[in-house]
Amino acid sequence: DTAAAVELGAWMSESIRPKRGDRRDWYVIDSPRKGVLTAALRGQ
């Protein structure tokens, strides 16, 4: 319920820092039409 909105086709940069309380990052998107959502994650 505090997820960041996704912009289709744009890279988003964030980090995971468990020792600082940053354990998970949530994102949300509403599908524009019927189709297939694809997600690519590129970590350090």
PDB file of all heavy atoms in Angstrom:
ATOM      1  N   ASP A   1       0.804  -1.220   0.000  1.00  0.00           N
ATOM      2  CA  ASP A   1       0.000   0.000   0.000  1.00  0.00           C
ATOM      3  C   ASP A   1       0.840   1.276   0.000  1.00  0.00           C
ATOM      4  O   ASP A   1       0.293   2.380  -0.022  1.00  0.00           O
ATOM      5  CB  ASP A   1      -0.996   0.013   1.161  1.00  0.00           C
ATOM      6  CG  ASP A   1      -0.339  -0.243   2.501  1.00  0.00           C
ATOM      7  OD1 ASP A   1       0.911  -0.297   2.556  1.00  0.00           O
ATOM      8  OD2 ASP A   1      -1.066  -0.395   3.491  1.00  0.00           O
ATOM      9  N   THR A   2       2.170   1.141   0.021  1.00  0.00           N
ATOM     10  CA  THR A   2       3.050   2.299  -0.160  1.00  0.00           C
ATOM     11  C   THR A   2       3.954   2.103  -1.378  1.00  0.00           C
ATOM     12  O   THR A   2       5.006   2.730  -1.482  1.00  0.00           O
ATOM     13  CB  THR A   2       3.917   2.539   1.090  1.00  0.00           C
ATOM     14  OG1 THR A   2       4.747   1.388   1.340  1.00  0.00           O
ATOM     15  CG2 THR A   2       3.045   2.803   2.309  1.00  0.00           C
ATOM     16  N   ALA A   3       3.530   1.232  -2.286  1.00  0.00           N
ATOM     17  CA  ALA A   3       4.342   0.893  -3.456  1.00  0.00           C
ATOM     18  C   ALA A   3       4.536   2.098  -4.368  1.00  0.00           C
ATOM     19  O   ALA A   3       3.659   2.959  -4.494  1.00  0.00           O
ATOM     20  CB  ALA A   3       3.683  -0.241  -4.238  1.00  0.00           C
ATOM     21  N   ALA A   4       5.692   2.155  -5.024  1.00  0.00           N
ATOM     22  CA  ALA A   4       5.987   3.220  -5.982  1.00  0.00           C
ATOM     23  C   ALA A   4       5.350   2.886  -7.329  1.00  0.00           C
ATOM     24  O   ALA A   4       5.353   1.731  -7.762  1.00  0.00           O
ATOM     25  CB  ALA A   4       7.494   3.376  -6.141  1.00  0.00           C
ATOM     26  N   ALA A   5       4.813   3.896  -7.985  1.00  0.00           N
ATOM     27  CA  ALA A   5       4.196   3.698  -9.294  1.00  0.00           C
ATOM     28  C   ALA A   5       5.269   3.410 -10.343  1.00  0.00           C
ATOM     29  O   ALA A   5       6.353   3.998 -10.323  1.00  0.00           O
ATOM     30  CB  ALA A   5       3.385   4.923  -9.693  1.00  0.00           C
ATOM     31  N   VAL A   6       4.955   2.490 -11.252  1.00  0.00           N
ATOM     32  CA  VAL A   6       5.879   2.099 -12.313  1.00  0.00           C
ATOM     33  C   VAL A   6       5.591   2.901 -13.575  1.00  0.00           C
ATOM     34  O   VAL A   6       4.433   3.076 -13.964  1.00  0.00           O
ATOM     35  CB  VAL A   6       5.745   0.593 -12.623  1.00  0.00           C
ATOM     36  CG1 VAL A   6       6.484   0.233 -13.907  1.00  0.00           C
ATOM     37  CG2 VAL A   6       6.281  -0.227 -11.460  1.00  0.00           C
ATOM     38  N   GLU A   7       6.636   3.393 -14.205  1.00  0.00           N
ATOM     39  CA  GLU A   7       6.528   4.022 -15.522  1.00  0.00           C
ATOM     40  C   GLU A   7       7.023   3.017 -16.561  1.00  0.00           C
ATOM     41  O   GLU A   7       8.195   2.618 -16.543  1.00  0.00           O
ATOM     42  CB  GLU A   7       7.358   5.299 -15.592  1.00  0.00           C
ATOM     43  CG  GLU A   7       7.253   6.011 -16.941  1.00  0.00           C
ATOM     44  CD  GLU A   7       8.101   7.262 -17.016  1.00  0.00           C
ATOM     45  OE1 GLU A   7       8.629   7.684 -15.955  1.00  0.00           O
ATOM     46  OE2 GLU A   7       8.259   7.799 -18.125  1.00  0.00           O
ATOM     47  N   LEU A   8       6.131   2.594 -17.428  1.00  0.00           N
ATOM     48  CA  LEU A   8       6.493   1.585 -18.419  1.00  0.00           C
ATOM     49  C   LEU A   8       7.667   2.041 -19.278  1.00  0.00           C
ATOM     50  O   LEU A   8       7.721   3.183 -19.732  1.00  0.00           O
ATOM     51  CB  LEU A   8       5.298   1.281 -19.320  1.00  0.00           C
ATOM     52  CG  LEU A   8       4.213   0.373 -18.740  1.00  0.00           C
ATOM     53  CD1 LEU A   8       3.023   0.292 -19.685  1.00  0.00           C
ATOM     54  CD2 LEU A   8       4.758  -1.019 -18.453  1.00  0.00           C
ATOM     55  N   GLY A   9       8.610   1.127 -19.469  1.00  0.00           N
ATOM     56  CA  GLY A   9       9.732   1.389 -20.358  1.00  0.00           C
ATOM     57  C   GLY A   9      10.834   2.246 -19.781  1.00  0.00           C
ATOM     58  O   GLY A   9      11.779   2.598 -20.503  1.00  0.00           O
ATOM     59  N   ALA A  10      10.766   2.586 -18.507  1.00  0.00           N
ATOM     60  CA  ALA A  10      11.786   3.451 -17.894  1.00  0.00           C
ATOM     61  C   ALA A  10      12.519   2.689 -16.793  1.00  0.00           C
ATOM     62  O   ALA A  10      11.887   2.044 -15.944  1.00  0.00           O
ATOM     63  CB  ALA A  10      11.146   4.713 -17.322  1.00  0.00           C
ATOM     64  N   TRP A  11      13.837   2.743 -16.792  1.00  0.00           N
ATOM     65  CA  TRP A  11      14.619   2.115 -15.733  1.00  0.00           C
ATOM     66  C   TRP A  11      14.435   2.880 -14.427  1.00  0.00           C
ATOM     67  O   TRP A  11      14.475   4.108 -14.409  1.00  0.00           O
ATOM     68  CB  TRP A  11      16.099   2.090 -16.099  1.00  0.00           C
ATOM     69  CG  TRP A  11      16.469   1.033 -17.087  1.00  0.00           C
ATOM     70  CD1 TRP A  11      16.704   1.191 -18.409  1.00  0.00           C
ATOM     71  CD2 TRP A  11      16.654  -0.360 -16.816  1.00  0.00           C
ATOM     72  NE1 TRP A  11      17.017  -0.004 -18.998  1.00  0.00           N
ATOM     73  CE2 TRP A  11      17.004  -0.984 -18.036  1.00  0.00           C
ATOM     74  CE3 TRP A  11      16.570  -1.152 -15.659  1.00  0.00           C
ATOM     75  CZ2 TRP A  11      17.256  -2.349 -18.136  1.00  0.00           C
ATOM     76  CZ3 TRP A  11      16.832  -2.507 -15.756  1.00  0.00           C
ATOM     77  CH2 TRP A  11      17.172  -3.098 -16.979  1.00  0.00           C
ATOM     78  N   MET A  12      14.246   2.153 -13.344  1.00  0.00           N
ATOM     79  CA  MET A  12      14.153   2.732 -12.010  1.00  0.00           C
ATOM     80  C   MET A  12      15.321   2.215 -11.188  1.00  0.00           C
ATOM     81  O   MET A  12      15.627   1.016 -11.213  1.00  0.00           O
ATOM     82  CB  MET A  12      12.825   2.342 -11.356  1.00  0.00           C
ATOM     83  CG  MET A  12      11.608   2.876 -12.085  1.00  0.00           C
ATOM     84  SD  MET A  12      10.067   2.132 -11.492  1.00  0.00           S
ATOM     85  CE  MET A  12      10.242   0.461 -12.141  1.00  0.00           C
ATOM     86  N   SER A  13      15.977   3.085 -10.459  1.00  0.00           N
ATOM     87  CA  SER A  13      17.136   2.712  -9.653  1.00  0.00           C
ATOM     88  C   SER A  13      16.808   2.829  -8.171  1.00  0.00           C
ATOM     89  O   SER A  13      16.275   3.846  -7.716  1.00  0.00           O
ATOM     90  CB  SER A  13      18.334   3.624  -9.983  1.00  0.00           C
ATOM     91  OG  SER A  13      18.716   3.478 -11.335  1.00  0.00           O
ATOM     92  N   GLU A  14      17.107   1.768  -7.422  1.00  0.00           N
ATOM     93  CA  GLU A  14      16.864   1.745  -5.975  1.00  0.00           C
ATOM     94  C   GLU A  14      17.906   0.852  -5.319  1.00  0.00           C
ATOM     95  O   GLU A  14      18.844   0.387  -5.974  1.00  0.00           O
ATOM     96  CB  GLU A  14      15.448   1.240  -5.671  1.00  0.00           C
ATOM     97  CG  GLU A  14      14.425   2.350  -5.425  1.00  0.00           C
ATOM     98  CD  GLU A  14      14.710   3.138  -4.154  1.00  0.00           C
ATOM     99  OE1 GLU A  14      15.552   2.692  -3.351  1.00  0.00           O
ATOM    100  OE2 GLU A  14      14.100   4.193  -3.975  1.00  0.00           O
ATOM    101  N   SER A  15      17.728   0.592  -4.041  1.00  0.00           N
ATOM    102  CA  SER A  15      18.667  -0.254  -3.317  1.00  0.00           C
ATOM    103  C   SER A  15      17.942  -1.012  -2.215  1.00  0.00           C
ATOM    104  O   SER A  15      16.843  -0.619  -1.792  1.00  0.00           O
ATOM    105  CB  SER A  15      19.799   0.580  -2.718  1.00  0.00           C
ATOM    106  OG  SER A  15      19.283   1.511  -1.770  1.00  0.00           O
ATOM    107  N   ILE A  16      18.553  -2.104  -1.770  1.00  0.00           N
ATOM    108  CA  ILE A  16      18.086  -2.872  -0.621  1.00  0.00           C
ATOM    109  C   ILE A  16      19.153  -2.740   0.463  1.00  0.00           C
ATOM    110  O   ILE A  16      20.330  -3.025   0.226  1.00  0.00           O
ATOM    111  CB  ILE A  16      17.877  -4.361  -0.989  1.00  0.00           C
ATOM    112  CG1 ILE A  16      16.747  -4.504  -2.020  1.00  0.00           C
ATOM    113  CG2 ILE A  16      17.583  -5.190   0.250  1.00  0.00           C
ATOM    114  CD1 ILE A  16      15.375  -4.153  -1.501  1.00  0.00           C
ATOM    115  N   ARG A  17      18.745  -2.301   1.663  1.00  0.00           N
ATOM    116  CA  ARG A  17      19.678  -2.098   2.775  1.00  0.00           C
ATOM    117  C   ARG A  17      19.044  -2.638   4.066  1.00  0.00           C
ATOM    118  O   ARG A  17      18.516  -1.878   4.878  1.00  0.00           O
ATOM    119  CB  ARG A  17      20.006  -0.613   2.939  1.00  0.00           C
ATOM    120  CG  ARG A  17      20.740   0.020   1.762  1.00  0.00           C
ATOM    121  CD  ARG A  17      22.191  -0.444   1.689  1.00  0.00           C
ATOM    122  NE  ARG A  17      22.973   0.303   0.706  1.00  0.00           N
ATOM    123  CZ  ARG A  17      23.100  -0.037  -0.559  1.00  0.00           C
ATOM    124  NH1 ARG A  17      22.488  -1.138  -1.001  1.00  0.00           N
ATOM    125  NH2 ARG A  17      23.831   0.676  -1.395  1.00  0.00           N
ATOM    126  N   PRO A  18      19.071  -3.954   4.275  1.00  0.00           N
ATOM    127  CA  PRO A  18      18.400  -4.543   5.446  1.00  0.00           C
ATOM    128  C   PRO A  18      18.839  -3.967   6.787  1.00  0.00           C
ATOM    129  O   PRO A  18      18.013  -3.799   7.694  1.00  0.00           O
ATOM    130  CB  PRO A  18      18.764  -6.030   5.328  1.00  0.00           C
ATOM    131  CG  PRO A  18      19.020  -6.245   3.884  1.00  0.00           C
ATOM    132  CD  PRO A  18      19.665  -4.974   3.413  1.00  0.00           C
ATOM    133  N   LYS A  19      20.114  -3.644   6.948  1.00  0.00           N
ATOM    134  CA  LYS A  19      20.580  -3.136   8.238  1.00  0.00           C
ATOM    135  C   LYS A  19      19.996  -1.763   8.564  1.00  0.00           C
ATOM    136  O   LYS A  19      20.006  -1.348   9.731  1.00  0.00           O
ATOM    137  CB  LYS A  19      22.112  -3.068   8.251  1.00  0.00           C
ATOM    138  CG  LYS A  19      22.780  -4.442   8.287  1.00  0.00           C
ATOM    139  CD  LYS A  19      24.284  -4.316   8.426  1.00  0.00           C
ATOM    140  CE  LYS A  19      24.942  -5.681   8.517  1.00  0.00           C
ATOM    141  NZ  LYS A  19      26.410  -5.580   8.671  1.00  0.00           N
ATOM    142  N   ARG A  20      19.497  -1.089   7.539  1.00  0.00           N
ATOM    143  CA  ARG A  20      18.852   0.219   7.752  1.00  0.00           C
ATOM    144  C   ARG A  20      17.326   0.094   7.768  1.00  0.00           C
ATOM    145  O   ARG A  20      16.618   1.097   7.750  1.00  0.00           O
ATOM    146  CB  ARG A  20      19.268   1.187   6.651  1.00  0.00           C
ATOM    147  CG  ARG A  20      20.771   1.393   6.537  1.00  0.00           C
ATOM    148  CD  ARG A  20      21.095   2.300   5.363  1.00  0.00           C
ATOM    149  NE  ARG A  20      22.528   2.332   5.072  1.00  0.00           N
ATOM    150  CZ  ARG A  20      23.064   2.942   4.023  1.00  0.00           C
ATOM    151  NH1 ARG A  20      22.266   3.574   3.164  1.00  0.00           N
ATOM    152  NH2 ARG A  20      24.363   2.917   3.824  1.00  0.00           N
ATOM    153  N   GLY A  21      16.818  -1.124   7.775  1.00  0.00           N
ATOM    154  CA  GLY A  21      15.377  -1.339   7.766  1.00  0.00           C
ATOM    155  C   GLY A  21      14.767  -1.392   6.382  1.00  0.00           C
ATOM    156  O   GLY A  21      13.554  -1.515   6.247  1.00  0.00           O
ATOM    157  N   ASP A  22      15.592  -1.303   5.332  1.00  0.00           N
ATOM    158  CA  ASP A  22      15.109  -1.341   3.948  1.00  0.00           C
ATOM    159  C   ASP A  22      15.241  -2.779   3.436  1.00  0.00           C
ATOM    160  O   ASP A  22      16.276  -3.163   2.887  1.00  0.00           O
ATOM    161  CB  ASP A  22      15.927  -0.381   3.088  1.00  0.00           C
ATOM    162  CG  ASP A  22      15.478  -0.375   1.636  1.00  0.00           C
ATOM    163  OD1 ASP A  22      14.414  -0.951   1.330  1.00  0.00           O
ATOM    164  OD2 ASP A  22      16.196   0.200   0.799  1.00  0.00           O
ATOM    165  N   ARG A  23      14.195  -3.581   3.626  1.00  0.00           N
ATOM    166  CA  ARG A  23      14.265  -5.004   3.332  1.00  0.00           C
ATOM    167  C   ARG A  23      13.569  -5.397   2.038  1.00  0.00           C
ATOM    168  O   ARG A  23      13.943  -6.374   1.398  1.00  0.00           O
ATOM    169  CB  ARG A  23      13.650  -5.803   4.483  1.00  0.00           C
ATOM    170  CG  ARG A  23      14.450  -5.701   5.773  1.00  0.00           C
ATOM    171  CD  ARG A  23      13.724  -6.379   6.917  1.00  0.00           C
ATOM    172  NE  ARG A  23      14.582  -6.511   8.078  1.00  0.00           N
ATOM    173  CZ  ARG A  23      14.781  -5.547   8.967  1.00  0.00           C
ATOM    174  NH1 ARG A  23      14.169  -4.385   8.821  1.00  0.00           N
ATOM    175  NH2 ARG A  23      15.579  -5.734   9.995  1.00  0.00           N
ATOM    176  N   ARG A  24      12.528  -4.666   1.666  1.00  0.00           N
ATOM    177  CA  ARG A  24      11.774  -4.981   0.458  1.00  0.00           C
ATOM    178  C   ARG A  24      11.370  -3.689  -0.227  1.00  0.00           C
ATOM    179  O   ARG A  24      11.091  -2.683   0.427  1.00  0.00           O
ATOM    180  CB  ARG A  24      10.491  -5.760   0.784  1.00  0.00           C
ATOM    181  CG  ARG A  24      10.654  -7.048   1.573  1.00  0.00           C
ATOM    182  CD  ARG A  24       9.275  -7.626   1.836  1.00  0.00           C
ATOM    183  NE  ARG A  24       9.307  -8.911   2.508  1.00  0.00           N
ATOM    184  CZ  ARG A  24       8.932  -9.112   3.761  1.00  0.00           C
ATOM    185  NH1 ARG A  24       8.532  -8.078   4.492  1.00  0.00           N
ATOM    186  NH2 ARG A  24       8.963 -10.322   4.300  1.00  0.00           N
ATOM    187  N   ASP A  25      11.315  -3.721  -1.545  1.00  0.00           N
ATOM    188  CA  ASP A  25      10.794  -2.590  -2.312  1.00  0.00           C
ATOM    189  C   ASP A  25       9.612  -3.083  -3.145  1.00  0.00           C
ATOM    190  O   ASP A  25       9.727  -4.057  -3.894  1.00  0.00           O
ATOM    191  CB  ASP A  25      11.865  -2.013  -3.242  1.00  0.00           C
ATOM    192  CG  ASP A  25      12.942  -1.245  -2.481  1.00  0.00           C
ATOM    193  OD1 ASP A  25      12.696  -0.876  -1.320  1.00  0.00           O
ATOM    194  OD2 ASP A  25      14.026  -1.033  -3.051  1.00  0.00           O
ATOM    195  N   TRP A  26       8.484  -2.392  -3.017  1.00  0.00           N
ATOM    196  CA  TRP A  26       7.267  -2.742  -3.752  1.00  0.00           C
ATOM    197  C   TRP A  26       6.987  -1.702  -4.825  1.00  0.00           C
ATOM    198  O   TRP A  26       7.197  -0.494  -4.619  1.00  0.00           O
ATOM    199  CB  TRP A  26       6.076  -2.816  -2.801  1.00  0.00           C
ATOM    200  CG  TRP A  26       6.017  -4.056  -1.981  1.00  0.00           C
ATOM    201  CD1 TRP A  26       6.684  -4.298  -0.810  1.00  0.00           C
ATOM    202  CD2 TRP A  26       5.253  -5.228  -2.249  1.00  0.00           C
ATOM    203  NE1 TRP A  26       6.380  -5.544  -0.335  1.00  0.00           N
ATOM    204  CE2 TRP A  26       5.503  -6.140  -1.197  1.00  0.00           C
ATOM    205  CE3 TRP A  26       4.377  -5.601  -3.271  1.00  0.00           C
ATOM    206  CZ2 TRP A  26       4.893  -7.401  -1.143  1.00  0.00           C
ATOM    207  CZ3 TRP A  26       3.777  -6.853  -3.207  1.00  0.00           C
ATOM    208  CH2 TRP A  26       4.044  -7.736  -2.164  1.00  0.00           C
ATOM    209  N   TYR A  27       6.475  -2.187  -5.953  1.00  0.00           N
ATOM    210  CA  TYR A  27       6.078  -1.334  -7.073  1.00  0.00           C
ATOM    211  C   TYR A  27       4.698  -1.771  -7.546  1.00  0.00           C
ATOM    212  O   TYR A  27       4.294  -2.929  -7.353  1.00  0.00           O
ATOM    213  CB  TYR A  27       7.090  -1.442  -8.220  1.00  0.00           C
ATOM    214  CG  TYR A  27       8.489  -1.028  -7.841  1.00  0.00           C
ATOM    215  CD1 TYR A  27       9.394  -1.950  -7.319  1.00  0.00           C
ATOM    216  CD2 TYR A  27       8.917   0.288  -7.985  1.00  0.00           C
ATOM    217  CE1 TYR A  27      10.676  -1.576  -6.949  1.00  0.00           C
ATOM    218  CE2 TYR A  27      10.195   0.673  -7.617  1.00  0.00           C
ATOM    219  CZ  TYR A  27      11.073  -0.261  -7.104  1.00  0.00           C
ATOM    220  OH  TYR A  27      12.331   0.117  -6.737  1.00  0.00           O
ATOM    221  N   VAL A  28       3.972  -0.855  -8.181  1.00  0.00           N
ATOM    222  CA  VAL A  28       2.622  -1.170  -8.634  1.00  0.00           C
ATOM    223  C   VAL A  28       2.376  -0.555 -10.003  1.00  0.00           C
ATOM    224  O   VAL A  28       2.896   0.526 -10.326  1.00  0.00           O
ATOM    225  CB  VAL A  28       1.571  -0.658  -7.618  1.00  0.00           C
ATOM    226  CG1 VAL A  28       1.607   0.872  -7.493  1.00  0.00           C
ATOM    227  CG2 VAL A  28       0.174  -1.127  -7.995  1.00  0.00           C
ATOM    228  N   ILE A  29       1.594  -1.258 -10.811  1.00  0.00           N
ATOM    229  CA  ILE A  29       1.227  -0.764 -12.139  1.00  0.00           C
ATOM    230  C   ILE A  29      -0.143  -1.318 -12.522  1.00  0.00           C
ATOM    231  O   ILE A  29      -0.474  -2.455 -12.175  1.00  0.00           O
ATOM    232  CB  ILE A  29       2.284  -1.158 -13.195  1.00  0.00           C
ATOM    233  CG1 ILE A  29       1.957  -0.516 -14.535  1.00  0.00           C
ATOM    234  CG2 ILE A  29       2.437  -2.668 -13.304  1.00  0.00           C
ATOM    235  CD1 ILE A  29       3.046  -0.675 -15.571  1.00  0.00           C
ATOM    236  N   ASP A  30      -0.927  -0.513 -13.211  1.00  0.00           N
ATOM    237  CA  ASP A  30      -2.199  -0.956 -13.772  1.00  0.00           C
ATOM    238  C   ASP A  30      -1.997  -1.231 -15.252  1.00  0.00           C
ATOM    239  O   ASP A  30      -1.532  -0.361 -15.995  1.00  0.00           O
ATOM    240  CB  ASP A  30      -3.284   0.112 -13.583  1.00  0.00           C
ATOM    241  CG  ASP A  30      -3.634   0.310 -12.115  1.00  0.00           C
ATOM    242  OD1 ASP A  30      -3.588  -0.675 -11.361  1.00  0.00           O
ATOM    243  OD2 ASP A  30      -3.944   1.453 -11.726  1.00  0.00           O
ATOM    244  N   SER A  31      -2.339  -2.435 -15.663  1.00  0.00           N
ATOM    245  CA  SER A  31      -2.126  -2.812 -17.055  1.00  0.00           C
ATOM    246  C   SER A  31      -2.934  -1.917 -17.991  1.00  0.00           C
ATOM    247  O   SER A  31      -4.143  -1.745 -17.797  1.00  0.00           O
ATOM    248  CB  SER A  31      -2.535  -4.269 -17.264  1.00  0.00           C
ATOM    249  OG  SER A  31      -2.528  -4.601 -18.621  1.00  0.00           O
ATOM    250  N   PRO A  32      -2.307  -1.332 -19.018  1.00  0.00           N
ATOM    251  CA  PRO A  32      -3.041  -0.447 -19.926  1.00  0.00           C
ATOM    252  C   PRO A  32      -4.030  -1.193 -20.818  1.00  0.00           C
ATOM    253  O   PRO A  32      -5.071  -0.645 -21.197  1.00  0.00           O
ATOM    254  CB  PRO A  32      -1.933   0.207 -20.765  1.00  0.00           C
ATOM    255  CG  PRO A  32      -0.810  -0.778 -20.716  1.00  0.00           C
ATOM    256  CD  PRO A  32      -0.871  -1.422 -19.367  1.00  0.00           C
ATOM    257  N   ARG A  33      -3.704  -2.431 -21.138  1.00  0.00           N
ATOM    258  CA  ARG A  33      -4.559  -3.243 -22.005  1.00  0.00           C
ATOM    259  C   ARG A  33      -4.309  -4.713 -21.698  1.00  0.00           C
ATOM    260  O   ARG A  33      -3.462  -5.049 -20.878  1.00  0.00           O
ATOM    261  CB  ARG A  33      -4.243  -2.958 -23.487  1.00  0.00           C
ATOM    262  CG  ARG A  33      -4.649  -1.567 -23.965  1.00  0.00           C
ATOM    263  CD  ARG A  33      -4.140  -1.264 -25.363  1.00  0.00           C
ATOM    264  NE  ARG A  33      -2.690  -1.249 -25.423  1.00  0.00           N
ATOM    265  CZ  ARG A  33      -1.933  -0.230 -25.035  1.00  0.00           C
ATOM    266  NH1 ARG A  33      -2.495   0.853 -24.543  1.00  0.00           N
ATOM    267  NH2 ARG A  33      -0.611  -0.297 -25.125  1.00  0.00           N
ATOM    268  N   LYS A  34      -5.019  -5.577 -22.388  1.00  0.00           N
ATOM    269  CA  LYS A  34      -4.758  -7.007 -22.280  1.00  0.00           C
ATOM    270  C   LYS A  34      -3.414  -7.304 -22.941  1.00  0.00           C
ATOM    271  O   LYS A  34      -3.113  -6.797 -24.021  1.00  0.00           O
ATOM    272  CB  LYS A  34      -5.861  -7.800 -22.973  1.00  0.00           C
ATOM    273  CG  LYS A  34      -5.660  -9.312 -22.936  1.00  0.00           C
ATOM    274  CD  LYS A  34      -6.762 -10.024 -23.680  1.00  0.00           C
ATOM    275  CE  LYS A  34      -6.523 -11.542 -23.686  1.00  0.00           C
ATOM    276  NZ  LYS A  34      -7.584 -12.256 -24.451  1.00  0.00           N
ATOM    277  N   GLY A  35      -2.582  -8.104 -22.263  1.00  0.00           N
ATOM    278  CA  GLY A  35      -1.279  -8.415 -22.831  1.00  0.00           C
ATOM    279  C   GLY A  35      -0.382  -9.110 -21.833  1.00  0.00           C
ATOM    280  O   GLY A  35      -0.859  -9.847 -20.960  1.00  0.00           O
ATOM    281  N   VAL A  36       0.922  -8.846 -21.945  1.00  0.00           N
ATOM    282  CA  VAL A  36       1.912  -9.482 -21.086  1.00  0.00           C
ATOM    283  C   VAL A  36       2.818  -8.418 -20.482  1.00  0.00           C
ATOM    284  O   VAL A  36       3.402  -7.603 -21.213  1.00  0.00           O
ATOM    285  CB  VAL A  36       2.774 -10.487 -21.875  1.00  0.00           C
ATOM    286  CG1 VAL A  36       3.833 -11.115 -20.977  1.00  0.00           C
ATOM    287  CG2 VAL A  36       1.900 -11.573 -22.502  1.00  0.00           C
ATOM    288  N   LEU A  37       2.902  -8.412 -19.176  1.00  0.00           N
ATOM    289  CA  LEU A  37       3.855  -7.548 -18.482  1.00  0.00           C
ATOM    290  C   LEU A  37       5.184  -8.293 -18.357  1.00  0.00           C
ATOM    291  O   LEU A  37       5.213  -9.479 -18.016  1.00  0.00           O
ATOM    292  CB  LEU A  37       3.357  -7.180 -17.093  1.00  0.00           C
ATOM    293  CG  LEU A  37       2.363  -6.017 -16.971  1.00  0.00           C
ATOM    294  CD1 LEU A  37       1.972  -5.835 -15.516  1.00  0.00           C
ATOM    295  CD2 LEU A  37       2.939  -4.732 -17.526  1.00  0.00           C
ATOM    296  N   THR A  38       6.259  -7.599 -18.628  1.00  0.00           N
ATOM    297  CA  THR A  38       7.597  -8.180 -18.486  1.00  0.00           C
ATOM    298  C   THR A  38       8.403  -7.301 -17.539  1.00  0.00           C
ATOM    299  O   THR A  38       8.318  -6.070 -17.604  1.00  0.00           O
ATOM    300  CB  THR A  38       8.315  -8.274 -19.841  1.00  0.00           C
ATOM    301  OG1 THR A  38       8.522  -6.956 -20.369  1.00  0.00           O
ATOM    302  CG2 THR A  38       7.490  -9.077 -20.829  1.00  0.00           C
ATOM    303  N   ALA A  39       9.158  -7.923 -16.671  1.00  0.00           N
ATOM    304  CA  ALA A  39       9.976  -7.179 -15.715  1.00  0.00           C
ATOM    305  C   ALA A  39      11.401  -7.719 -15.744  1.00  0.00           C
ATOM    306  O   ALA A  39      11.614  -8.936 -15.759  1.00  0.00           O
ATOM    307  CB  ALA A  39       9.400  -7.302 -14.306  1.00  0.00           C
ATOM    308  N   ALA A  40      12.369  -6.810 -15.768  1.00  0.00           N
ATOM    309  CA  ALA A  40      13.779  -7.177 -15.765  1.00  0.00           C
ATOM    310  C   ALA A  40      14.453  -6.512 -14.573  1.00  0.00           C
ATOM    311  O   ALA A  40      14.348  -5.294 -14.390  1.00  0.00           O
ATOM    312  CB  ALA A  40      14.455  -6.754 -17.065  1.00  0.00           C
ATOM    313  N   LEU A  41      15.145  -7.297 -13.763  1.00  0.00           N
ATOM    314  CA  LEU A  41      15.854  -6.816 -12.583  1.00  0.00           C
ATOM    315  C   LEU A  41      17.348  -6.991 -12.821  1.00  0.00           C
ATOM    316  O   LEU A  41      17.805  -8.077 -13.199  1.00  0.00           O
ATOM    317  CB  LEU A  41      15.411  -7.605 -11.350  1.00  0.00           C
ATOM    318  CG  LEU A  41      16.113  -7.286 -10.026  1.00  0.00           C
ATOM    319  CD1 LEU A  41      15.776  -5.874  -9.572  1.00  0.00           C
ATOM    320  CD2 LEU A  41      15.716  -8.300  -8.961  1.00  0.00           C
ATOM    321  N   ARG A  42      18.101  -5.929 -12.597  1.00  0.00           N
ATOM    322  CA  ARG A  42      19.547  -5.976 -12.769  1.00  0.00           C
ATOM    323  C   ARG A  42      20.191  -5.502 -11.467  1.00  0.00           C
ATOM    324  O   ARG A  42      20.207  -4.313 -11.157  1.00  0.00           O
ATOM    325  CB  ARG A  42      19.989  -5.103 -13.953  1.00  0.00           C
ATOM    326  CG  ARG A  42      19.476  -5.604 -15.290  1.00  0.00           C
ATOM    327  CD  ARG A  42      20.108  -6.941 -15.640  1.00  0.00           C
ATOM    328  NE  ARG A  42      19.628  -7.497 -16.896  1.00  0.00           N
ATOM    329  CZ  ARG A  42      18.660  -8.407 -16.991  1.00  0.00           C
ATOM    330  NH1 ARG A  42      18.047  -8.837 -15.894  1.00  0.00           N
ATOM    331  NH2 ARG A  42      18.303  -8.883 -18.166  1.00  0.00           N
ATOM    332  N   GLY A  43      20.719  -6.459 -10.695  1.00  0.00           N
ATOM    333  CA  GLY A  43      21.276  -6.144  -9.389  1.00  0.00           C
ATOM    334  C   GLY A  43      22.775  -5.988  -9.394  1.00  0.00           C
ATOM    335  O   GLY A  43      23.461  -6.384 -10.338  1.00  0.00           O
ATOM    336  N   GLN A  44      23.258  -5.423  -8.341  1.00  0.00           N
ATOM    337  CA  GLN A  44      24.685  -5.222  -8.153  1.00  0.00           C
ATOM    338  C   GLN A  44      25.397  -6.568  -8.108  1.00  0.00           C
ATOM    339  O   GLN A  44      24.888  -7.554  -7.566  1.00  0.00           O
ATOM    340  CB  GLN A  44      24.900  -4.468  -6.840  1.00  0.00           C
ATOM    341  CG  GLN A  44      26.334  -4.121  -6.508  1.00  0.00           C
ATOM    342  CD  GLN A  44      26.384  -3.321  -5.215  1.00  0.00           C
ATOM    343  OE1 GLN A  44      25.570  -2.448  -4.961  1.00  0.00           O
ATOM    344  NE2 GLN A  44      27.372  -3.638  -4.380  1.00  0.00           N
TER     345      GLN A  44
END
